[in-house]
Structures are given as structure tokens and as C-alpha cells.
Amino acid sequence: MKNIHRFLEHTALSPTLTYQEVEKMIEQAHDHQFAGLCLPPFWVKKAKRDLGNADVQMVTVVGFPFGYQMSQTKEAEIRQALKDGADELDVVMNISAFKSGLPWAKIELAKYATLIHEEEAFLKVIIETAYLSEEELRTACKICADAGADFVKTSTGIAPEGAKVEHIRLMREILPSNVGIKASGGIKTLKQTISMLEAGADRIGTSSAIYIINQSNKQI
């Protein structure tokens, strides 16, 4: 698939991620011109500085991995990430509040959307599809769209299951065309990547971006 690198977010969110690995990922993001480089908040400032003028979005996570932090805590994370140079923030929805039927999940996302958009950054909401029924998935997507999300993302990679083609298709059916879909969680091959894109995904978050690029190059 041509230009597949522009759909990939080169990702590492492991708790054991080292400085040397971050350095290597920044270099790889430069070399391959991935759509984004997704790293833990601690590494955002360094990575953004080292990326320089590269056409690579600096992506980080907020409320990771479970989303049940207090809204004030997430807001502080967002403000710091924006200050450090994040271009896109993958915020974990408060799944606990959502499953309890509380309106708070939508209220806080709308607040974050305003805060993030004021800095001309993107809000990507992680809804963790593995924990949702089809009805809940439909509702979660509508909440995200109404709250002002730029993307809805499938997974953190922590849940028992990651992205599924059927979920991507359903999400594309529900979400308006101006809201993108980021498929993530367990995507390790070119075949999986293409199947997610064909189902309607606009971005692929993966720790296997280099392997996928190498597979793609072999087919050219």
C-alpha cells in the first residue's frame, strides 16, 4: 500500500521504555516520516524538541491507561503536555463513569476539547472497545463526536483485546465524516494494518511500525 507510513503512529507506551529506545524512535520517526510519534508524557518535551521541523505529530496519552482519574488531574496532564509540545492528546474516556450512566464522561471530554483546540491541538478519545457492548460502543462514539473529539481511538493496548475490524466498521458507520478513527491495540502486521484502513480507520497506532514498513517495502 502506497504511503502507508503516513497512516502509522510509531508508538511505545511500555513502563520500561528507556532513553536509548526513545532516541531510536525519534530517529526512526524522522527517517520514515510517520504520521505521529506516540510516547508517554514524560518524554514529550525531549521528543518534540528533537523532532524539530519534521512533519511528524507529537502524540501522548492522558488519563492512561484506565481513564478514571479525577478531571482536574487529567486537565493538569493536558496543560503540561500542551506546554511540552504535544500536537495530539489521546485521552482515555472515564469508562467507569460512562458505564455508570453518568453524564460526566461527556462533560469532561467537552471541556478537554475546548482546552486542546484553543492550543490548535487534536483531541483523540480512547474508548477501550474491549470493554463495551455494541450499544455502548454506539453511545460512546456519539458522546465523543458531540463533545468535540477529532478522533475516536479503539484501545489503550492494556485491555484483553485491541482493535477489531468489525468495531472499526461500526465506528465509521456511527461517527460523522469529520471525526477520524484511530485503530490501536494488537496491530502488528501489514495485513492487519490494511484491513483496519479498509474498514475505515484513518490512523494506526502500533509498536510494530518499523516491521510494518519493512513488510510494505518488500511488496513494492
Protein backbone atom coordinates (compact mmCIF):
# COMPACT_ATOMS: atom_id res chain seq x y z
CA MET A 1 0.00 0.00 0.00
CA LYS A 2 1.46 3.34 -1.09
CA ASN A 3 2.38 5.90 1.58
CA ILE A 4 1.37 3.59 4.41
CA HIS A 5 3.86 5.38 6.68
CA ARG A 6 1.52 8.40 6.70
CA PHE A 7 -1.14 6.35 8.46
CA LEU A 8 1.14 4.99 11.20
CA GLU A 9 1.81 6.36 14.66
CA HIS A 10 5.13 4.97 15.89
CA THR A 11 4.20 4.07 19.47
CA ALA A 12 5.87 2.99 22.69
CA LEU A 13 4.00 3.20 25.97
CA SER A 14 5.77 0.47 27.90
CA PRO A 15 6.57 1.24 31.56
CA THR A 16 10.13 0.04 30.88
CA LEU A 17 10.74 2.41 27.96
CA THR A 18 14.32 3.75 28.14
CA TYR A 19 16.07 6.92 27.00
CA GLN A 20 18.01 4.95 24.40
CA GLU A 21 14.79 3.49 22.98
CA VAL A 22 13.21 6.94 22.83
CA GLU A 23 16.25 8.26 20.96
CA LYS A 24 15.96 5.43 18.44
CA MET A 25 12.23 6.01 17.97
CA ILE A 26 12.75 9.71 17.29
CA GLU A 27 15.38 8.84 14.69
CA GLN A 28 13.05 6.29 13.09
CA ALA A 29 10.17 8.77 13.04
CA HIS A 30 12.46 11.22 11.24
CA ASP A 31 13.65 8.62 8.75
CA HIS A 32 10.25 7.17 7.90
CA GLN A 33 8.13 10.33 8.28
CA PHE A 34 5.43 8.57 10.24
CA ALA A 35 2.16 10.42 10.81
CA GLY A 36 2.94 10.58 14.51
CA LEU A 37 5.25 9.58 17.32
CA CYS A 38 3.32 8.49 20.42
CA LEU A 39 5.26 8.44 23.70
CA PRO A 40 4.48 8.74 27.42
CA PRO A 41 4.08 12.31 28.76
CA PHE A 42 7.50 12.19 30.45
CA TRP A 43 9.23 12.06 27.06
CA VAL A 44 7.15 14.62 25.14
CA LYS A 45 9.35 17.67 25.72
CA LYS A 46 12.53 15.90 24.61
CA ALA A 47 10.92 14.20 21.63
CA LYS A 48 9.21 17.36 20.39
CA ARG A 49 12.50 19.26 20.59
CA ASP A 50 14.41 16.52 18.79
CA LEU A 51 11.79 16.12 16.07
CA GLY A 52 12.38 19.74 15.14
CA ASN A 53 10.60 20.66 11.91
CA ALA A 54 9.85 17.08 10.91
CA ASP A 55 6.34 16.50 9.57
CA VAL A 56 5.57 14.15 12.45
CA GLN A 57 2.86 14.81 15.01
CA MET A 58 3.92 14.59 18.65
CA VAL A 59 1.34 12.39 20.35
CA THR A 60 0.95 11.50 24.01
CA VAL A 61 -1.61 9.99 26.37
CA VAL A 62 -3.75 11.43 29.16
CA GLY A 63 -5.53 9.53 31.93
CA PHE A 64 -3.65 6.45 30.79
CA PRO A 65 -4.48 3.61 30.93
CA PHE A 66 -7.81 3.41 32.76
CA GLY A 67 -9.33 6.88 32.47
CA TYR A 68 -10.76 7.07 35.97
CA GLN A 69 -8.51 9.84 37.29
CA MET A 70 -10.21 12.98 38.53
CA SER A 71 -11.00 15.50 35.81
CA GLN A 72 -8.69 18.03 37.47
CA THR A 73 -5.83 15.54 37.23
CA LYS A 74 -6.45 14.91 33.53
CA GLU A 75 -6.71 18.63 32.90
CA ALA A 76 -3.33 19.19 34.56
CA GLU A 77 -1.86 16.42 32.38
CA ILE A 78 -3.32 18.06 29.27
CA ARG A 79 -1.96 21.51 30.13
CA GLN A 80 1.50 20.10 30.80
CA ALA A 81 1.51 18.02 27.62
CA LEU A 82 0.49 21.04 25.55
CA LYS A 83 3.18 23.15 27.22
CA ASP A 84 5.75 20.46 26.42
CA GLY A 85 4.77 20.48 22.75
CA ALA A 86 2.17 17.75 22.23
CA ASP A 87 0.23 18.13 18.97
CA GLU A 88 -2.28 15.37 19.67
CA LEU A 89 -3.56 14.08 23.00
CA ASP A 90 -5.03 10.59 23.34
CA VAL A 91 -7.33 10.95 26.34
CA VAL A 92 -8.81 7.85 27.98
CA MET A 93 -12.55 8.28 28.49
CA ASN A 94 -13.84 7.79 32.02
CA ILE A 95 -15.23 4.32 31.28
CA SER A 96 -16.27 3.86 34.91
CA ALA A 97 -18.47 6.97 34.78
CA PHE A 98 -19.74 6.03 31.32
CA LYS A 99 -20.78 2.53 32.38
CA SER A 100 -22.48 4.01 35.44
CA GLY A 101 -24.72 6.07 33.18
CA LEU A 102 -23.30 9.35 34.47
CA PRO A 103 -23.11 12.36 32.13
CA TRP A 104 -19.64 13.21 33.44
CA ALA A 105 -17.80 11.35 30.67
CA LYS A 106 -19.24 13.71 28.06
CA ILE A 107 -18.93 16.83 30.24
CA GLU A 108 -15.22 16.37 30.86
CA LEU A 109 -14.46 15.49 27.23
CA ALA A 110 -16.18 18.68 26.06
CA LYS A 111 -14.07 20.67 28.49
CA TYR A 112 -10.90 18.99 27.27
CA ALA A 113 -11.86 19.59 23.63
CA THR A 114 -12.11 23.32 24.28
CA LEU A 115 -8.81 23.40 26.14
CA ILE A 116 -6.97 21.39 23.49
CA HIS A 117 -8.46 23.20 20.50
CA GLU A 118 -7.53 26.57 21.99
CA GLU A 119 -3.91 25.45 21.52
CA GLU A 120 -4.65 24.19 17.98
CA ALA A 121 -4.00 20.60 19.04
CA PHE A 122 -6.13 17.49 18.45
CA LEU A 123 -8.22 15.51 20.93
CA LYS A 124 -8.29 11.76 20.35
CA VAL A 125 -10.54 9.88 22.79
CA ILE A 126 -9.73 6.28 23.75
CA ILE A 127 -12.99 4.45 24.42
CA GLU A 128 -11.49 0.96 25.03
CA THR A 129 -13.74 -1.08 22.76
CA ALA A 130 -12.88 -4.37 24.53
CA TYR A 131 -14.98 -3.29 27.50
CA LEU A 132 -18.02 -2.10 25.53
CA SER A 133 -21.10 -3.82 24.17
CA GLU A 134 -22.27 -2.84 20.69
CA GLU A 135 -24.86 -0.50 22.19
CA GLU A 136 -22.26 1.05 24.49
CA LEU A 137 -19.86 1.45 21.56
CA ARG A 138 -22.53 3.34 19.62
CA THR A 139 -23.26 5.60 22.58
CA ALA A 140 -19.57 6.22 23.34
CA CYS A 141 -18.90 7.25 19.73
CA LYS A 142 -21.82 9.69 19.78
CA ILE A 143 -20.62 11.16 23.08
CA CYS A 144 -17.13 11.70 21.67
CA ALA A 145 -18.43 13.32 18.49
CA ASP A 146 -20.83 15.59 20.40
CA ALA A 147 -18.07 16.57 22.84
CA GLY A 148 -15.82 17.76 20.00
CA ALA A 149 -13.32 14.92 19.61
CA ASP A 150 -11.18 14.97 16.48
CA PHE A 151 -10.60 11.21 16.58
CA VAL A 152 -12.03 8.24 18.44
CA LYS A 153 -9.46 5.59 19.28
CA THR A 154 -10.20 1.93 19.93
CA SER A 155 -7.80 0.86 22.64
CA THR A 156 -5.01 1.54 25.09
CA GLY A 157 -3.33 -1.79 24.42
CA ILE A 158 -3.86 -2.70 28.08
CA ALA A 159 -7.30 -4.33 27.78
CA PRO A 160 -7.65 -8.05 26.93
CA GLU A 161 -8.38 -7.21 23.28
CA GLY A 162 -7.34 -4.44 20.93
CA ALA A 163 -8.70 -3.16 17.64
CA LYS A 164 -11.11 -5.30 15.65
CA VAL A 165 -12.18 -4.77 12.06
CA GLU A 166 -15.87 -5.10 12.97
CA HIS A 167 -15.51 -2.36 15.57
CA ILE A 168 -13.83 -0.05 13.05
CA ARG A 169 -16.65 -0.62 10.55
CA LEU A 170 -19.28 0.10 13.20
CA MET A 171 -17.46 3.21 14.41
CA ARG A 172 -17.20 4.53 10.84
CA GLU A 173 -20.91 3.94 10.41
CA ILE A 174 -21.72 5.90 13.57
CA LEU A 175 -19.19 8.74 13.54
CA PRO A 176 -19.57 11.80 11.30
CA SER A 177 -17.04 12.14 8.49
CA ASN A 178 -15.17 14.94 10.29
CA VAL A 179 -14.25 12.64 13.18
CA GLY A 180 -11.36 10.31 12.45
CA ILE A 181 -10.78 6.81 13.75
CA LYS A 182 -7.52 5.59 15.26
CA ALA A 183 -7.19 1.82 15.41
CA SER A 184 -4.78 0.61 18.06
CA GLY A 185 -4.07 -2.43 20.18
CA GLY A 186 -2.55 -5.60 18.79
CA ILE A 187 -1.87 -4.33 15.26
CA LYS A 188 1.44 -5.94 14.33
CA THR A 189 1.39 -6.75 10.60
CA LEU A 190 0.87 -5.07 7.25
CA LYS A 191 -2.15 -7.28 6.60
CA GLN A 192 -3.81 -6.16 9.84
CA THR A 193 -2.98 -2.54 9.08
CA ILE A 194 -4.53 -2.65 5.62
CA SER A 195 -7.64 -4.40 6.93
CA MET A 196 -8.13 -1.65 9.52
CA LEU A 197 -7.67 1.11 6.94
CA GLU A 198 -10.06 -0.58 4.52
CA ALA A 199 -12.63 -0.85 7.32
CA GLY A 200 -12.49 2.92 7.85
CA ALA A 201 -9.57 3.72 10.14
CA ASP A 202 -7.64 6.92 9.45
CA ARG A 203 -4.69 6.25 11.77
CA ILE A 204 -2.97 3.16 13.09
CA GLY A 205 -1.30 3.21 16.50
CA THR A 206 1.28 0.45 16.71
CA SER A 207 4.52 -0.55 18.37
CA SER A 208 5.30 -2.53 15.21
CA ALA A 209 5.53 0.40 12.78
CA ILE A 210 9.05 -0.48 11.64
CA TYR A 211 8.11 -4.09 10.95
CA ILE A 212 5.01 -2.96 9.04
CA ILE A 213 7.03 -0.51 6.94
CA ASN A 214 9.57 -3.24 6.16
CA GLN A 215 6.76 -5.59 5.08
CA SER A 216 5.34 -2.85 2.88
CA ASN A 217 8.70 -2.13 1.25
CA LYS A 218 9.10 -5.79 0.33
CA GLN A 219 5.86 -5.62 -1.65
CA ILE A 220 6.90 -2.58 -3.66
